[in-house]
């Protein structure tokens, strides 16, 4: 698990390898990740959007932007947390993801960025 705190918001990530399968005559490696967002600040905040950089060791880096996370824009009061799960497919057994969440502080009405630390995606059978 990796964690990082930005402006009082702690992001923790746990990853799992889910298996392989064939799609369009190619093997793909499926990974899941669980992200917990904890509000350690004194203000209420809301996650508005996300930005991902997905590195696949056999392909170009893919950039993904979108609203919220898995269809939600959670509001976190001080001391609250939100956990969600998602996943990605890679064409290789190794990769990584990193990114950020755009959030708004309800006290100051200002938006800010919360960094998601780089987390590795690797198959256990391919590790040395």
N, C-alpha and C. Protein backbone atom coordinates (compact mmCIF):
# COMPACT_ATOMS: atom_id res chain seq x y z
N UNK A 1 0.85 -1.18 0.00
CA UNK A 1 0.00 0.00 0.00
C UNK A 1 0.89 1.24 0.00
N UNK A 2 0.48 2.24 -0.76
CA UNK A 2 1.17 3.52 -0.77
C UNK A 2 0.21 4.60 -0.30
N UNK A 3 0.75 5.65 0.33
CA UNK A 3 -0.06 6.75 0.84
C UNK A 3 0.65 8.08 0.62
N UNK A 4 -0.13 9.13 0.54
CA UNK A 4 0.42 10.48 0.42
C UNK A 4 -0.62 11.47 0.95
N UNK A 5 -0.14 12.53 1.59
CA UNK A 5 -1.03 13.57 2.11
C UNK A 5 -0.76 14.88 1.38
N UNK A 6 -1.82 15.50 0.86
CA UNK A 6 -1.74 16.80 0.21
C UNK A 6 -2.79 17.69 0.86
N UNK A 7 -2.36 18.79 1.45
CA UNK A 7 -3.28 19.76 2.06
C UNK A 7 -4.27 19.11 3.02
N UNK A 8 -3.80 18.16 3.80
CA UNK A 8 -4.64 17.52 4.80
C UNK A 8 -5.51 16.39 4.27
N UNK A 9 -5.40 16.07 3.00
CA UNK A 9 -6.18 14.97 2.41
C UNK A 9 -5.22 13.81 2.16
N UNK A 10 -5.50 12.69 2.81
CA UNK A 10 -4.64 11.51 2.68
C UNK A 10 -5.24 10.55 1.66
N UNK A 11 -4.40 10.15 0.71
CA UNK A 11 -4.78 9.17 -0.31
C UNK A 11 -3.99 7.91 -0.06
N UNK A 12 -4.67 6.77 0.09
CA UNK A 12 -4.02 5.47 0.26
C UNK A 12 -4.50 4.55 -0.85
N UNK A 13 -3.58 3.77 -1.43
CA UNK A 13 -3.91 2.90 -2.56
C UNK A 13 -3.42 1.49 -2.27
N UNK A 14 -4.30 0.53 -2.49
CA UNK A 14 -3.96 -0.90 -2.40
C UNK A 14 -4.30 -1.53 -3.74
N UNK A 15 -3.36 -2.31 -4.31
CA UNK A 15 -3.58 -2.90 -5.63
C UNK A 15 -3.62 -4.42 -5.56
N UNK A 16 -4.26 -5.03 -6.55
CA UNK A 16 -4.32 -6.49 -6.66
C UNK A 16 -4.29 -6.88 -8.14
N UNK A 17 -3.63 -8.00 -8.40
CA UNK A 17 -3.66 -8.58 -9.74
C UNK A 17 -4.87 -9.51 -9.79
N UNK A 18 -5.72 -9.35 -10.80
CA UNK A 18 -6.97 -10.10 -10.88
C UNK A 18 -6.93 -11.27 -11.86
N UNK A 19 -5.92 -11.30 -12.74
CA UNK A 19 -5.82 -12.40 -13.68
C UNK A 19 -5.59 -11.93 -15.10
N UNK A 20 -5.51 -12.90 -16.01
CA UNK A 20 -5.30 -12.60 -17.41
C UNK A 20 -6.50 -13.07 -18.22
N UNK A 21 -6.70 -12.45 -19.36
CA UNK A 21 -7.72 -12.92 -20.28
C UNK A 21 -7.42 -12.39 -21.67
N UNK A 22 -8.07 -13.01 -22.64
CA UNK A 22 -7.85 -12.62 -24.03
C UNK A 22 -8.95 -11.68 -24.49
N UNK A 23 -8.54 -10.64 -25.18
CA UNK A 23 -9.47 -9.66 -25.76
C UNK A 23 -8.86 -9.24 -27.09
N UNK A 24 -9.64 -9.34 -28.14
CA UNK A 24 -9.16 -8.98 -29.49
C UNK A 24 -7.88 -9.75 -29.84
N UNK A 25 -7.85 -11.01 -29.50
CA UNK A 25 -6.73 -11.91 -29.82
C UNK A 25 -5.43 -11.55 -29.12
N UNK A 26 -5.50 -10.78 -28.05
CA UNK A 26 -4.32 -10.41 -27.28
C UNK A 26 -4.55 -10.72 -25.81
N UNK A 27 -3.47 -11.07 -25.13
CA UNK A 27 -3.57 -11.29 -23.69
C UNK A 27 -3.58 -9.94 -22.98
N UNK A 28 -4.40 -9.82 -21.95
CA UNK A 28 -4.46 -8.62 -21.13
C UNK A 28 -4.30 -9.02 -19.67
N UNK A 29 -3.73 -8.11 -18.90
CA UNK A 29 -3.50 -8.32 -17.48
C UNK A 29 -4.43 -7.38 -16.72
N UNK A 30 -5.29 -7.94 -15.88
CA UNK A 30 -6.29 -7.14 -15.17
C UNK A 30 -5.81 -6.83 -13.75
N UNK A 31 -5.92 -5.57 -13.39
CA UNK A 31 -5.53 -5.12 -12.06
C UNK A 31 -6.69 -4.35 -11.44
N UNK A 32 -6.86 -4.51 -10.14
CA UNK A 32 -7.83 -3.71 -9.41
C UNK A 32 -7.06 -2.84 -8.42
N UNK A 33 -7.68 -1.75 -8.05
CA UNK A 33 -7.07 -0.90 -7.02
C UNK A 33 -8.19 -0.33 -6.16
N UNK A 34 -7.87 -0.19 -4.88
CA UNK A 34 -8.81 0.39 -3.91
C UNK A 34 -8.17 1.66 -3.37
N UNK A 35 -8.90 2.75 -3.46
CA UNK A 35 -8.40 4.04 -3.01
C UNK A 35 -9.24 4.53 -1.84
N UNK A 36 -8.56 4.94 -0.78
CA UNK A 36 -9.22 5.55 0.37
C UNK A 36 -8.77 7.00 0.45
N UNK A 37 -9.76 7.88 0.54
CA UNK A 37 -9.53 9.32 0.65
C UNK A 37 -9.96 9.71 2.06
N UNK A 38 -9.03 10.24 2.84
CA UNK A 38 -9.32 10.64 4.22
C UNK A 38 -9.13 12.14 4.38
N UNK A 39 -10.11 12.79 5.00
CA UNK A 39 -10.03 14.22 5.22
C UNK A 39 -9.47 14.49 6.62
N UNK A 40 -8.19 14.86 6.68
CA UNK A 40 -7.55 15.20 7.94
C UNK A 40 -7.48 16.72 8.12
N UNK A 41 -8.14 17.46 7.24
CA UNK A 41 -8.14 18.93 7.35
C UNK A 41 -9.28 19.38 8.25
N UNK A 42 -9.37 20.69 8.46
CA UNK A 42 -10.44 21.24 9.29
C UNK A 42 -11.64 21.70 8.47
N UNK A 43 -11.57 21.53 7.15
CA UNK A 43 -12.64 22.01 6.26
C UNK A 43 -13.32 20.86 5.54
N UNK A 44 -14.57 21.05 5.15
CA UNK A 44 -15.27 20.09 4.31
C UNK A 44 -14.80 20.28 2.87
N UNK A 45 -14.63 19.17 2.17
CA UNK A 45 -14.13 19.20 0.79
C UNK A 45 -14.98 18.28 -0.08
N UNK A 46 -14.92 18.51 -1.38
CA UNK A 46 -15.60 17.63 -2.34
C UNK A 46 -14.66 17.30 -3.49
N UNK A 47 -14.65 16.03 -3.86
CA UNK A 47 -13.89 15.59 -5.03
C UNK A 47 -14.73 15.91 -6.26
N UNK A 48 -14.15 16.64 -7.19
CA UNK A 48 -14.86 17.08 -8.39
C UNK A 48 -14.49 16.25 -9.62
N UNK A 49 -13.18 16.03 -9.81
CA UNK A 49 -12.74 15.30 -11.01
C UNK A 49 -11.43 14.59 -10.73
N UNK A 50 -11.00 13.77 -11.71
CA UNK A 50 -9.78 12.99 -11.56
C UNK A 50 -8.93 13.08 -12.83
N UNK A 51 -7.65 12.84 -12.66
CA UNK A 51 -6.71 12.76 -13.77
C UNK A 51 -5.80 11.57 -13.50
N UNK A 52 -5.67 10.67 -14.49
CA UNK A 52 -4.81 9.49 -14.35
C UNK A 52 -3.77 9.47 -15.45
N UNK A 53 -2.57 9.02 -15.10
CA UNK A 53 -1.53 8.69 -16.06
C UNK A 53 -1.26 7.20 -15.85
N UNK A 54 -1.60 6.40 -16.86
CA UNK A 54 -1.47 4.94 -16.77
C UNK A 54 -0.30 4.51 -17.64
N UNK A 55 0.74 4.00 -16.98
CA UNK A 55 1.94 3.55 -17.69
C UNK A 55 1.87 2.03 -17.86
N UNK A 56 1.97 1.59 -19.10
CA UNK A 56 2.02 0.17 -19.45
C UNK A 56 3.40 -0.05 -20.06
N UNK A 57 4.17 -0.99 -19.52
CA UNK A 57 5.56 -1.14 -19.97
C UNK A 57 5.69 -1.48 -21.45
N UNK A 58 4.62 -1.92 -22.10
CA UNK A 58 4.69 -2.24 -23.53
C UNK A 58 3.95 -1.24 -24.42
N UNK A 59 3.37 -0.21 -23.84
CA UNK A 59 2.60 0.77 -24.61
C UNK A 59 2.93 2.19 -24.17
N UNK A 60 2.38 3.15 -24.90
CA UNK A 60 2.51 4.54 -24.50
C UNK A 60 1.70 4.79 -23.24
N UNK A 61 2.06 5.84 -22.53
CA UNK A 61 1.30 6.25 -21.35
C UNK A 61 -0.07 6.73 -21.79
N UNK A 62 -1.10 6.29 -21.07
CA UNK A 62 -2.48 6.69 -21.37
C UNK A 62 -2.92 7.71 -20.33
N UNK A 63 -3.58 8.77 -20.79
CA UNK A 63 -4.08 9.81 -19.90
C UNK A 63 -5.60 9.74 -19.87
N UNK A 64 -6.16 9.73 -18.67
CA UNK A 64 -7.61 9.63 -18.50
C UNK A 64 -8.07 10.74 -17.57
N UNK A 65 -9.04 11.53 -18.03
CA UNK A 65 -9.65 12.57 -17.22
C UNK A 65 -11.15 12.33 -17.16
N UNK A 66 -11.75 12.66 -16.03
CA UNK A 66 -13.19 12.48 -15.91
C UNK A 66 -13.73 13.10 -14.65
N UNK A 67 -15.05 13.19 -14.60
CA UNK A 67 -15.72 13.73 -13.43
C UNK A 67 -15.79 12.69 -12.33
N UNK A 68 -15.60 13.12 -11.10
CA UNK A 68 -15.77 12.25 -9.94
C UNK A 68 -14.94 10.98 -10.01
N UNK A 69 -15.33 10.02 -9.19
CA UNK A 69 -14.72 8.69 -9.17
C UNK A 69 -15.83 7.66 -9.14
N UNK A 70 -15.80 6.73 -10.05
CA UNK A 70 -16.83 5.70 -10.25
C UNK A 70 -18.25 6.27 -10.08
N UNK A 71 -18.49 7.38 -10.77
CA UNK A 71 -19.82 7.97 -10.80
C UNK A 71 -20.20 8.79 -9.58
N UNK A 72 -19.27 9.04 -8.67
CA UNK A 72 -19.59 9.80 -7.46
C UNK A 72 -18.66 10.99 -7.31
N UNK A 73 -19.17 12.02 -6.64
CA UNK A 73 -18.39 13.19 -6.28
C UNK A 73 -18.53 13.35 -4.76
N UNK A 74 -17.77 12.53 -4.02
CA UNK A 74 -17.98 12.49 -2.57
C UNK A 74 -17.62 13.80 -1.86
N UNK A 75 -18.45 14.13 -0.85
CA UNK A 75 -18.19 15.25 0.05
C UNK A 75 -17.66 14.64 1.34
N UNK A 76 -16.54 15.18 1.82
CA UNK A 76 -15.92 14.67 3.04
C UNK A 76 -15.81 15.78 4.07
N UNK A 77 -16.50 15.60 5.17
CA UNK A 77 -16.35 16.51 6.30
C UNK A 77 -15.06 16.16 7.03
N UNK A 78 -14.56 17.05 7.88
CA UNK A 78 -13.34 16.73 8.63
C UNK A 78 -13.49 15.39 9.37
N UNK A 79 -12.48 14.54 9.22
CA UNK A 79 -12.48 13.23 9.87
C UNK A 79 -13.16 12.12 9.09
N UNK A 80 -13.82 12.45 7.99
CA UNK A 80 -14.51 11.43 7.20
C UNK A 80 -13.60 10.86 6.12
N UNK A 81 -14.00 9.68 5.60
CA UNK A 81 -13.24 9.06 4.51
C UNK A 81 -14.20 8.47 3.49
N UNK A 82 -13.66 8.23 2.31
CA UNK A 82 -14.42 7.60 1.22
C UNK A 82 -13.49 6.59 0.56
N UNK A 83 -13.99 5.36 0.38
CA UNK A 83 -13.22 4.31 -0.27
C UNK A 83 -13.97 3.83 -1.49
N UNK A 84 -13.23 3.63 -2.58
CA UNK A 84 -13.84 3.08 -3.79
C UNK A 84 -12.86 2.15 -4.47
N UNK A 85 -13.38 1.29 -5.32
CA UNK A 85 -12.56 0.34 -6.08
C UNK A 85 -12.76 0.55 -7.56
N UNK A 86 -11.69 0.33 -8.31
CA UNK A 86 -11.75 0.41 -9.77
C UNK A 86 -10.68 -0.51 -10.32
N UNK A 87 -10.41 -0.41 -11.61
CA UNK A 87 -9.41 -1.28 -12.19
C UNK A 87 -8.94 -0.80 -13.54
N UNK A 88 -7.95 -1.51 -14.06
CA UNK A 88 -7.45 -1.20 -15.40
C UNK A 88 -6.86 -2.45 -16.03
N UNK A 89 -6.76 -2.41 -17.34
CA UNK A 89 -6.16 -3.50 -18.12
C UNK A 89 -4.85 -3.02 -18.71
N UNK A 90 -3.84 -3.88 -18.64
CA UNK A 90 -2.57 -3.59 -19.28
C UNK A 90 -2.26 -4.70 -20.28
N UNK A 91 -1.46 -4.37 -21.26
CA UNK A 91 -1.05 -5.40 -22.22
C UNK A 91 0.26 -6.06 -21.79
N UNK A 92 0.80 -5.63 -20.68
CA UNK A 92 2.03 -6.22 -20.15
C UNK A 92 1.82 -6.54 -18.67
N UNK A 93 2.70 -7.37 -18.10
CA UNK A 93 2.54 -7.72 -16.68
C UNK A 93 3.04 -6.64 -15.73
N UNK A 94 3.60 -5.54 -16.26
CA UNK A 94 4.12 -4.47 -15.42
C UNK A 94 3.60 -3.12 -15.86
N UNK A 95 3.30 -2.28 -14.89
CA UNK A 95 2.89 -0.92 -15.18
C UNK A 95 2.74 -0.14 -13.88
N UNK A 96 2.20 1.05 -14.00
CA UNK A 96 1.96 1.87 -12.82
C UNK A 96 0.91 2.92 -13.17
N UNK A 97 0.39 3.53 -12.12
CA UNK A 97 -0.56 4.62 -12.28
C UNK A 97 -0.19 5.72 -11.29
N UNK A 98 -0.51 6.94 -11.66
CA UNK A 98 -0.42 8.07 -10.76
C UNK A 98 -1.40 9.11 -11.26
N UNK A 99 -1.65 10.11 -10.46
CA UNK A 99 -2.57 11.14 -10.90
C UNK A 99 -2.91 12.12 -9.81
N UNK A 100 -4.09 12.71 -9.94
CA UNK A 100 -4.54 13.65 -8.93
C UNK A 100 -6.06 13.77 -8.98
N UNK A 101 -6.60 14.27 -7.86
CA UNK A 101 -8.02 14.57 -7.76
C UNK A 101 -8.14 16.09 -7.65
N UNK A 102 -9.04 16.67 -8.42
CA UNK A 102 -9.38 18.08 -8.27
C UNK A 102 -10.48 18.16 -7.24
N UNK A 103 -10.26 18.97 -6.21
CA UNK A 103 -11.21 19.08 -5.11
C UNK A 103 -11.55 20.54 -4.87
N UNK A 104 -12.64 20.75 -4.14
CA UNK A 104 -13.02 22.10 -3.75
C UNK A 104 -13.16 22.14 -2.24
N UNK A 105 -12.64 23.22 -1.66
CA UNK A 105 -12.73 23.45 -0.22
C UNK A 105 -13.98 24.30 0.01
N UNK A 106 -14.94 23.80 0.78
CA UNK A 106 -16.20 24.52 0.98
C UNK A 106 -16.04 25.77 1.84
N UNK A 107 -15.00 25.84 2.68
CA UNK A 107 -14.79 27.01 3.53
C UNK A 107 -14.24 28.17 2.71
N UNK A 108 -13.22 27.89 1.90
CA UNK A 108 -12.58 28.96 1.12
C UNK A 108 -13.18 29.10 -0.28
N UNK A 109 -13.97 28.14 -0.71
CA UNK A 109 -14.54 28.01 -2.06
C UNK A 109 -13.47 27.90 -3.15
N UNK A 110 -12.25 27.56 -2.75
CA UNK A 110 -11.16 27.41 -3.71
C UNK A 110 -10.97 25.96 -4.10
N UNK A 111 -10.59 25.77 -5.36
CA UNK A 111 -10.27 24.42 -5.81
C UNK A 111 -8.80 24.15 -5.55
N UNK A 112 -8.47 22.88 -5.38
CA UNK A 112 -7.09 22.48 -5.17
C UNK A 112 -6.90 21.06 -5.66
N UNK A 113 -5.64 20.69 -5.82
CA UNK A 113 -5.28 19.39 -6.36
C UNK A 113 -4.73 18.50 -5.24
N UNK A 114 -5.20 17.26 -5.20
CA UNK A 114 -4.67 16.28 -4.25
C UNK A 114 -3.97 15.20 -5.06
N UNK A 115 -2.69 15.03 -4.79
CA UNK A 115 -1.89 14.07 -5.56
C UNK A 115 -2.18 12.63 -5.13
N UNK A 116 -2.27 11.76 -6.14
CA UNK A 116 -2.36 10.32 -5.89
C UNK A 116 -0.96 9.77 -6.16
N UNK A 117 -0.34 9.15 -5.15
CA UNK A 117 1.03 8.67 -5.34
C UNK A 117 1.11 7.59 -6.42
N UNK A 118 2.27 7.46 -7.02
CA UNK A 118 2.49 6.40 -8.01
C UNK A 118 2.31 5.05 -7.35
N UNK A 119 1.48 4.21 -7.96
CA UNK A 119 1.34 2.84 -7.44
C UNK A 119 1.62 1.86 -8.56
N UNK A 120 2.32 0.79 -8.18
CA UNK A 120 2.77 -0.21 -9.15
C UNK A 120 1.67 -1.22 -9.43
N UNK A 121 1.64 -1.67 -10.66
CA UNK A 121 0.76 -2.74 -11.11
C UNK A 121 1.67 -3.83 -11.64
N UNK A 122 1.75 -4.94 -10.93
CA UNK A 122 2.64 -6.02 -11.38
C UNK A 122 2.07 -7.38 -11.02
N UNK A 123 2.27 -8.31 -11.93
CA UNK A 123 1.79 -9.67 -11.71
C UNK A 123 2.77 -10.41 -10.80
N UNK A 124 2.26 -11.19 -9.84
CA UNK A 124 3.16 -11.88 -8.93
C UNK A 124 4.05 -12.92 -9.63
N UNK A 125 3.57 -13.55 -10.69
CA UNK A 125 4.34 -14.57 -11.36
C UNK A 125 5.48 -14.01 -12.19
N UNK A 126 5.46 -12.71 -12.48
CA UNK A 126 6.50 -12.12 -13.31
C UNK A 126 7.57 -11.43 -12.47
N UNK A 127 7.38 -11.42 -11.17
CA UNK A 127 8.36 -10.77 -10.30
C UNK A 127 9.57 -11.64 -10.08
N UNK A 128 10.71 -11.01 -9.93
CA UNK A 128 11.96 -11.75 -9.73
C UNK A 128 12.24 -11.89 -8.26
